[in-house]
Amino acid sequence: MLNNLTTFLGNEDYRISILNNGIHILNYKSIVDITETEALIKIDKKLIKITGNNFRLTKLDKKELLIYGQVKKVSVNEH
């Protein structure tokens, strides 16, 4: 079963979708850091911190990426 949670971050141009096997991010600005257990992604003036296990990054397009793995927590902080 696909549990798709879509969150708009103040602007419909930015979207995060949490999937059963990872997380999809649309219109990100940059990848700050990614390890097997944590990812930091910059979106406009926000910093997205994703924690979990077995992360593997797949860049789908210039402004779109997919992080495969088990997502445990997603937090959004003003940067």
PDB file of N, CA and C in Angstrom:
ATOM      1  N   MET A   1       0.846  -1.178   0.000  1.00  0.00           N
ATOM      2  CA  MET A   1       0.000   0.000   0.000  1.00  0.00           C
ATOM      3  C   MET A   1       0.892   1.242   0.000  1.00  0.00           C
ATOM      4  N   LEU A   2       0.561   2.158  -0.848  1.00  0.00           N
ATOM      5  CA  LEU A   2       1.342   3.387  -0.964  1.00  0.00           C
ATOM      6  C   LEU A   2       0.771   4.441  -0.026  1.00  0.00           C
ATOM      7  N   ASN A   3       1.593   4.867   0.918  1.00  0.00           N
ATOM      8  CA  ASN A   3       1.186   5.920   1.853  1.00  0.00           C
ATOM      9  C   ASN A   3       1.832   7.206   1.372  1.00  0.00           C
ATOM     10  N   ASN A   4       1.092   7.997   0.599  1.00  0.00           N
ATOM     11  CA  ASN A   4       1.659   9.187  -0.035  1.00  0.00           C
ATOM     12  C   ASN A   4       1.181  10.431   0.697  1.00  0.00           C
ATOM     13  N   LEU A   5       2.065  11.040   1.453  1.00  0.00           N
ATOM     14  CA  LEU A   5       1.762  12.277   2.162  1.00  0.00           C
ATOM     15  C   LEU A   5       2.409  13.419   1.404  1.00  0.00           C
ATOM     16  N   THR A   6       1.598  14.343   0.937  1.00  0.00           N
ATOM     17  CA  THR A   6       2.129  15.473   0.187  1.00  0.00           C
ATOM     18  C   THR A   6       2.052  16.713   1.053  1.00  0.00           C
ATOM     19  N   THR A   7       3.171  17.425   1.164  1.00  0.00           N
ATOM     20  CA  THR A   7       3.246  18.619   1.966  1.00  0.00           C
ATOM     21  C   THR A   7       3.692  19.779   1.087  1.00  0.00           C
ATOM     22  N   PHE A   8       2.922  20.836   1.086  1.00  0.00           N
ATOM     23  CA  PHE A   8       3.324  22.031   0.355  1.00  0.00           C
ATOM     24  C   PHE A   8       3.992  22.977   1.344  1.00  0.00           C
ATOM     25  N   LEU A   9       5.142  23.494   0.999  1.00  0.00           N
ATOM     26  CA  LEU A   9       5.942  24.326   1.894  1.00  0.00           C
ATOM     27  C   LEU A   9       5.745  25.805   1.584  1.00  0.00           C
ATOM     28  N   GLY A  10       4.537  26.302   1.810  1.00  0.00           N
ATOM     29  CA  GLY A  10       4.266  27.718   1.626  1.00  0.00           C
ATOM     30  C   GLY A  10       4.123  28.132   0.173  1.00  0.00           C
ATOM     31  N   ASN A  11       4.533  27.291  -0.748  1.00  0.00           N
ATOM     32  CA  ASN A  11       4.485  27.616  -2.161  1.00  0.00           C
ATOM     33  C   ASN A  11       4.265  26.312  -2.914  1.00  0.00           C
ATOM     34  N   GLU A  12       3.273  26.262  -3.769  1.00  0.00           N
ATOM     35  CA  GLU A  12       2.939  25.027  -4.457  1.00  0.00           C
ATOM     36  C   GLU A  12       4.041  24.554  -5.396  1.00  0.00           C
ATOM     37  N   ASP A  13       5.055  25.351  -5.599  1.00  0.00           N
ATOM     38  CA  ASP A  13       6.168  24.939  -6.449  1.00  0.00           C
ATOM     39  C   ASP A  13       7.076  23.926  -5.760  1.00  0.00           C
ATOM     40  N   TYR A  14       6.969  23.781  -4.446  1.00  0.00           N
ATOM     41  CA  TYR A  14       7.807  22.862  -3.690  1.00  0.00           C
ATOM     42  C   TYR A  14       6.939  21.751  -3.139  1.00  0.00           C
ATOM     43  N   ARG A  15       7.399  20.512  -3.300  1.00  0.00           N
ATOM     44  CA  ARG A  15       6.582  19.406  -2.820  1.00  0.00           C
ATOM     45  C   ARG A  15       7.464  18.267  -2.328  1.00  0.00           C
ATOM     46  N   ILE A  16       7.035  17.686  -1.202  1.00  0.00           N
ATOM     47  CA  ILE A  16       7.693  16.506  -0.643  1.00  0.00           C
ATOM     48  C   ILE A  16       6.631  15.417  -0.549  1.00  0.00           C
ATOM     49  N   SER A  17       6.923  14.256  -1.115  1.00  0.00           N
ATOM     50  CA  SER A  17       6.013  13.113  -1.040  1.00  0.00           C
ATOM     51  C   SER A  17       6.731  11.970  -0.350  1.00  0.00           C
ATOM     52  N   ILE A  18       6.149  11.477   0.738  1.00  0.00           N
ATOM     53  CA  ILE A  18       6.724  10.349   1.461  1.00  0.00           C
ATOM     54  C   ILE A  18       6.077   9.078   0.923  1.00  0.00           C
ATOM     55  N   LEU A  19       6.913   8.161   0.452  1.00  0.00           N
ATOM     56  CA  LEU A  19       6.458   6.919  -0.150  1.00  0.00           C
ATOM     57  C   LEU A  19       6.812   5.740   0.752  1.00  0.00           C
ATOM     58  N   ASN A  20       6.287   4.571   0.450  1.00  0.00           N
ATOM     59  CA  ASN A  20       6.630   3.369   1.234  1.00  0.00           C
ATOM     60  C   ASN A  20       8.121   3.062   1.194  1.00  0.00           C
ATOM     61  N   ASN A  21       8.767   3.330   0.058  1.00  0.00           N
ATOM     62  CA  ASN A  21      10.175   2.958  -0.092  1.00  0.00           C
ATOM     63  C   ASN A  21      11.108   4.158  -0.187  1.00  0.00           C
ATOM     64  N   GLY A  22      10.658   5.333   0.256  1.00  0.00           N
ATOM     65  CA  GLY A  22      11.539   6.499   0.219  1.00  0.00           C
ATOM     66  C   GLY A  22      10.797   7.810   0.245  1.00  0.00           C
ATOM     67  N   ILE A  23      11.426   8.818  -0.329  1.00  0.00           N
ATOM     68  CA  ILE A  23      10.870  10.165  -0.325  1.00  0.00           C
ATOM     69  C   ILE A  23      11.189  10.844  -1.664  1.00  0.00           C
ATOM     70  N   HIS A  24      10.222  11.557  -2.202  1.00  0.00           N
ATOM     71  CA  HIS A  24      10.362  12.260  -3.478  1.00  0.00           C
ATOM     72  C   HIS A  24      10.313  13.757  -3.187  1.00  0.00           C
ATOM     73  N   ILE A  25      11.256  14.520  -3.735  1.00  0.00           N
ATOM     74  CA  ILE A  25      11.317  15.966  -3.511  1.00  0.00           C
ATOM     75  C   ILE A  25      11.336  16.659  -4.857  1.00  0.00           C
ATOM     76  N   LEU A  26      10.435  17.621  -5.023  1.00  0.00           N
ATOM     77  CA  LEU A  26      10.306  18.363  -6.264  1.00  0.00           C
ATOM     78  C   LEU A  26      10.704  19.814  -6.043  1.00  0.00           C
ATOM     79  N   ASN A  27      11.506  20.355  -6.933  1.00  0.00           N
ATOM     80  CA  ASN A  27      11.964  21.748  -6.923  1.00  0.00           C
ATOM     81  C   ASN A  27      12.843  22.101  -5.725  1.00  0.00           C
ATOM     82  N   TYR A  28      13.813  21.249  -5.447  1.00  0.00           N
ATOM     83  CA  TYR A  28      14.776  21.546  -4.381  1.00  0.00           C
ATOM     84  C   TYR A  28      15.864  22.472  -4.936  1.00  0.00           C
ATOM     85  N   LYS A  29      16.566  23.159  -4.052  1.00  0.00           N
ATOM     86  CA  LYS A  29      17.651  24.057  -4.477  1.00  0.00           C
ATOM     87  C   LYS A  29      18.999  23.352  -4.497  1.00  0.00           C
ATOM     88  N   SER A  30      19.302  22.617  -3.422  1.00  0.00           N
ATOM     89  CA  SER A  30      20.590  21.918  -3.381  1.00  0.00           C
ATOM     90  C   SER A  30      20.556  20.779  -2.372  1.00  0.00           C
ATOM     91  N   ILE A  31      21.464  19.830  -2.573  1.00  0.00           N
ATOM     92  CA  ILE A  31      21.673  18.749  -1.624  1.00  0.00           C
ATOM     93  C   ILE A  31      22.834  19.178  -0.742  1.00  0.00           C
ATOM     94  N   VAL A  32      22.565  19.420   0.525  1.00  0.00           N
ATOM     95  CA  VAL A  32      23.601  19.863   1.458  1.00  0.00           C
ATOM     96  C   VAL A  32      24.484  18.686   1.854  1.00  0.00           C
ATOM     97  N   ASP A  33      23.861  17.567   2.223  1.00  0.00           N
ATOM     98  CA  ASP A  33      24.603  16.380   2.632  1.00  0.00           C
ATOM     99  C   ASP A  33      23.668  15.180   2.594  1.00  0.00           C
ATOM    100  N   ILE A  34      24.218  14.028   2.321  1.00  0.00           N
ATOM    101  CA  ILE A  34      23.436  12.789   2.406  1.00  0.00           C
ATOM    102  C   ILE A  34      24.359  11.661   2.835  1.00  0.00           C
ATOM    103  N   THR A  35      23.883  10.893   3.822  1.00  0.00           N
ATOM    104  CA  THR A  35      24.581   9.695   4.275  1.00  0.00           C
ATOM    105  C   THR A  35      23.577   8.544   4.220  1.00  0.00           C
ATOM    106  N   GLU A  36      23.973   7.408   4.717  1.00  0.00           N
ATOM    107  CA  GLU A  36      23.070   6.255   4.727  1.00  0.00           C
ATOM    108  C   GLU A  36      21.890   6.462   5.682  1.00  0.00           C
ATOM    109  N   THR A  37      22.030   7.382   6.661  1.00  0.00           N
ATOM    110  CA  THR A  37      20.980   7.557   7.676  1.00  0.00           C
ATOM    111  C   THR A  37      20.398   8.966   7.755  1.00  0.00           C
ATOM    112  N   GLU A  38      20.952   9.917   7.005  1.00  0.00           N
ATOM    113  CA  GLU A  38      20.469  11.296   7.106  1.00  0.00           C
ATOM    114  C   GLU A  38      20.667  12.036   5.785  1.00  0.00           C
ATOM    115  N   ALA A  39      19.687  12.886   5.450  1.00  0.00           N
ATOM    116  CA  ALA A  39      19.798  13.726   4.262  1.00  0.00           C
ATOM    117  C   ALA A  39      19.403  15.147   4.631  1.00  0.00           C
ATOM    118  N   LEU A  40      20.170  16.124   4.150  1.00  0.00           N
ATOM    119  CA  LEU A  40      19.866  17.537   4.325  1.00  0.00           C
ATOM    120  C   LEU A  40      19.681  18.141   2.941  1.00  0.00           C
ATOM    121  N   ILE A  41      18.482  18.672   2.703  1.00  0.00           N
ATOM    122  CA  ILE A  41      18.120  19.211   1.406  1.00  0.00           C
ATOM    123  C   ILE A  41      17.640  20.646   1.589  1.00  0.00           C
ATOM    124  N   LYS A  42      18.187  21.565   0.786  1.00  0.00           N
ATOM    125  CA  LYS A  42      17.789  22.975   0.855  1.00  0.00           C
ATOM    126  C   LYS A  42      16.680  23.234  -0.157  1.00  0.00           C
ATOM    127  N   ILE A  43      15.605  23.846   0.329  1.00  0.00           N
ATOM    128  CA  ILE A  43      14.479  24.246  -0.512  1.00  0.00           C
ATOM    129  C   ILE A  43      14.187  25.703  -0.186  1.00  0.00           C
ATOM    130  N   ASP A  44      14.504  26.597  -1.114  1.00  0.00           N
ATOM    131  CA  ASP A  44      14.303  28.030  -0.927  1.00  0.00           C
ATOM    132  C   ASP A  44      14.950  28.457   0.385  1.00  0.00           C
ATOM    133  N   LYS A  45      14.200  28.945   1.347  1.00  0.00           N
ATOM    134  CA  LYS A  45      14.755  29.386   2.635  1.00  0.00           C
ATOM    135  C   LYS A  45      14.532  28.354   3.726  1.00  0.00           C
ATOM    136  N   LYS A  46      14.279  27.119   3.333  1.00  0.00           N
ATOM    137  CA  LYS A  46      14.025  26.044   4.277  1.00  0.00           C
ATOM    138  C   LYS A  46      15.089  24.958   4.133  1.00  0.00           C
ATOM    139  N   LEU A  47      15.389  24.306   5.244  1.00  0.00           N
ATOM    140  CA  LEU A  47      16.302  23.177   5.257  1.00  0.00           C
ATOM    141  C   LEU A  47      15.505  21.952   5.692  1.00  0.00           C
ATOM    142  N   ILE A  48      15.455  20.950   4.840  1.00  0.00           N
ATOM    143  CA  ILE A  48      14.724  19.723   5.117  1.00  0.00           C
ATOM    144  C   ILE A  48      15.715  18.695   5.647  1.00  0.00           C
ATOM    145  N   LYS A  49      15.428  18.150   6.831  1.00  0.00           N
ATOM    146  CA  LYS A  49      16.270  17.103   7.416  1.00  0.00           C
ATOM    147  C   LYS A  49      15.462  15.810   7.419  1.00  0.00           C
ATOM    148  N   ILE A  50      16.004  14.783   6.780  1.00  0.00           N
ATOM    149  CA  ILE A  50      15.343  13.487   6.677  1.00  0.00           C
ATOM    150  C   ILE A  50      16.236  12.475   7.370  1.00  0.00           C
ATOM    151  N   THR A  51      15.670  11.722   8.311  1.00  0.00           N
ATOM    152  CA  THR A  51      16.434  10.676   8.984  1.00  0.00           C
ATOM    153  C   THR A  51      15.771   9.327   8.728  1.00  0.00           C
ATOM    154  N   GLY A  52      16.592   8.288   8.709  1.00  0.00           N
ATOM    155  CA  GLY A  52      16.091   6.943   8.459  1.00  0.00           C
ATOM    156  C   GLY A  52      17.226   5.968   8.283  1.00  0.00           C
ATOM    157  N   ASN A  53      17.020   4.989   7.409  1.00  0.00           N
ATOM    158  CA  ASN A  53      18.015   3.926   7.190  1.00  0.00           C
ATOM    159  C   ASN A  53      18.145   3.599   5.712  1.00  0.00           C
ATOM    160  N   ASN A  54      19.344   3.165   5.341  1.00  0.00           N
ATOM    161  CA  ASN A  54      19.626   2.641   4.000  1.00  0.00           C
ATOM    162  C   ASN A  54      19.300   3.615   2.870  1.00  0.00           C
ATOM    163  N   PHE A  55      19.632   4.886   3.042  1.00  0.00           N
ATOM    164  CA  PHE A  55      19.339   5.881   2.011  1.00  0.00           C
ATOM    165  C   PHE A  55      20.229   5.687   0.784  1.00  0.00           C
ATOM    166  N   ARG A  56      19.604   5.768  -0.382  1.00  0.00           N
ATOM    167  CA  ARG A  56      20.287   5.775  -1.672  1.00  0.00           C
ATOM    168  C   ARG A  56      19.658   6.888  -2.493  1.00  0.00           C
ATOM    169  N   LEU A  57      20.449   7.746  -3.031  1.00  0.00           N
ATOM    170  CA  LEU A  57      19.980   8.918  -3.760  1.00  0.00           C
ATOM    171  C   LEU A  57      19.867   8.625  -5.249  1.00  0.00           C
ATOM    172  N   THR A  58      18.729   9.025  -5.829  1.00  0.00           N
ATOM    173  CA  THR A  58      18.538   8.967  -7.274  1.00  0.00           C
ATOM    174  C   THR A  58      18.071  10.340  -7.720  1.00  0.00           C
ATOM    175  N   LYS A  59      18.875  10.986  -8.529  1.00  0.00           N
ATOM    176  CA  LYS A  59      18.507  12.293  -9.062  1.00  0.00           C
ATOM    177  C   LYS A  59      17.709  12.057 -10.332  1.00  0.00           C
ATOM    178  N   LEU A  60      16.450  12.470 -10.334  1.00  0.00           N
ATOM    179  CA  LEU A  60      15.574  12.206 -11.462  1.00  0.00           C
ATOM    180  C   LEU A  60      15.658  13.288 -12.529  1.00  0.00           C
ATOM    181  N   ASP A  61      15.834  14.513 -12.104  1.00  0.00           N
ATOM    182  CA  ASP A  61      15.861  15.661 -13.004  1.00  0.00           C
ATOM    183  C   ASP A  61      16.644  16.764 -12.308  1.00  0.00           C
ATOM    184  N   LYS A  62      16.828  17.872 -12.982  1.00  0.00           N
ATOM    185  CA  LYS A  62      17.597  18.983 -12.418  1.00  0.00           C
ATOM    186  C   LYS A  62      17.021  19.465 -11.086  1.00  0.00           C
ATOM    187  N   LYS A  63      15.699  19.440 -10.928  1.00  0.00           N
ATOM    188  CA  LYS A  63      15.059  19.934  -9.708  1.00  0.00           C
ATOM    189  C   LYS A  63      14.234  18.862  -9.000  1.00  0.00           C
ATOM    190  N   GLU A  64      14.511  17.614  -9.287  1.00  0.00           N
ATOM    191  CA  GLU A  64      13.708  16.532  -8.738  1.00  0.00           C
ATOM    192  C   GLU A  64      14.610  15.390  -8.303  1.00  0.00           C
ATOM    193  N   LEU A  65      14.376  14.864  -7.096  1.00  0.00           N
ATOM    194  CA  LEU A  65      15.174  13.731  -6.649  1.00  0.00           C
ATOM    195  C   LEU A  65      14.335  12.747  -5.866  1.00  0.00           C
ATOM    196  N   LEU A  66      14.834  11.539  -5.800  1.00  0.00           N
ATOM    197  CA  LEU A  66      14.197  10.459  -5.068  1.00  0.00           C
ATOM    198  C   LEU A  66      15.244   9.839  -4.160  1.00  0.00           C
ATOM    199  N   ILE A  67      14.917   9.740  -2.893  1.00  0.00           N
ATOM    200  CA  ILE A  67      15.797   9.094  -1.925  1.00  0.00           C
ATOM    201  C   ILE A  67      15.121   7.794  -1.517  1.00  0.00           C
ATOM    202  N   TYR A  68      15.738   6.674  -1.896  1.00  0.00           N
ATOM    203  CA  TYR A  68      15.226   5.363  -1.508  1.00  0.00           C
ATOM    204  C   TYR A  68      15.709   5.042  -0.105  1.00  0.00           C
ATOM    205  N   GLY A  69      14.883   4.330   0.659  1.00  0.00           N
ATOM    206  CA  GLY A  69      15.250   3.898   1.995  1.00  0.00           C
ATOM    207  C   GLY A  69      14.069   4.014   2.932  1.00  0.00           C
ATOM    208  N   GLN A  70      14.307   3.687   4.197  1.00  0.00           N
ATOM    209  CA  GLN A  70      13.274   3.755   5.220  1.00  0.00           C
ATOM    210  C   GLN A  70      13.311   5.138   5.874  1.00  0.00           C
ATOM    211  N   VAL A  71      12.271   5.932   5.648  1.00  0.00           N
ATOM    212  CA  VAL A  71      12.176   7.274   6.218  1.00  0.00           C
ATOM    213  C   VAL A  71      11.531   7.175   7.599  1.00  0.00           C
ATOM    214  N   LYS A  72      12.231   7.683   8.602  1.00  0.00           N
ATOM    215  CA  LYS A  72      11.703   7.665   9.974  1.00  0.00           C
ATOM    216  C   LYS A  72      11.171   9.029  10.395  1.00  0.00           C
ATOM    217  N   LYS A  73      11.839  10.109   9.922  1.00  0.00           N
ATOM    218  CA  LYS A  73      11.455  11.449  10.374  1.00  0.00           C
ATOM    219  C   LYS A  73      11.822  12.476   9.313  1.00  0.00           C
ATOM    220  N   VAL A  74      10.930  13.454   9.137  1.00  0.00           N
ATOM    221  CA  VAL A  74      11.195  14.584   8.246  1.00  0.00           C
ATOM    222  C   VAL A  74      10.922  15.847   9.039  1.00  0.00           C
ATOM    223  N   SER A  75      11.896  16.766   9.074  1.00  0.00           N
ATOM    224  CA  SER A  75      11.687  18.035   9.753  1.00  0.00           C
ATOM    225  C   SER A  75      12.039  19.187   8.802  1.00  0.00           C
ATOM    226  N   VAL A  76      11.331  20.294   8.985  1.00  0.00           N
ATOM    227  CA  VAL A  76      11.522  21.476   8.142  1.00  0.00           C
ATOM    228  C   VAL A  76      11.933  22.629   9.057  1.00  0.00           C
ATOM    229  N   ASN A  77      13.069  23.256   8.743  1.00  0.00           N
ATOM    230  CA  ASN A  77      13.567  24.379   9.535  1.00  0.00           C
ATOM    231  C   ASN A  77      13.817  25.567   8.617  1.00  0.00           C
ATOM    232  N   GLU A  78      13.508  26.761   9.112  1.00  0.00           N
ATOM    233  CA  GLU A  78      13.855  27.984   8.368  1.00  0.00           C
ATOM    234  C   GLU A  78      15.355  28.110   8.371  1.00  0.00           C
ATOM    235  N   HIS A  79      15.905  28.526   7.250  1.00  0.00           N
ATOM    236  CA  HIS A  79      17.366  28.614   7.121  1.00  0.00           C
ATOM    237  C   HIS A  79      17.761  30.032   6.834  1.00  0.00           C
TER     238      HIS A  79
END
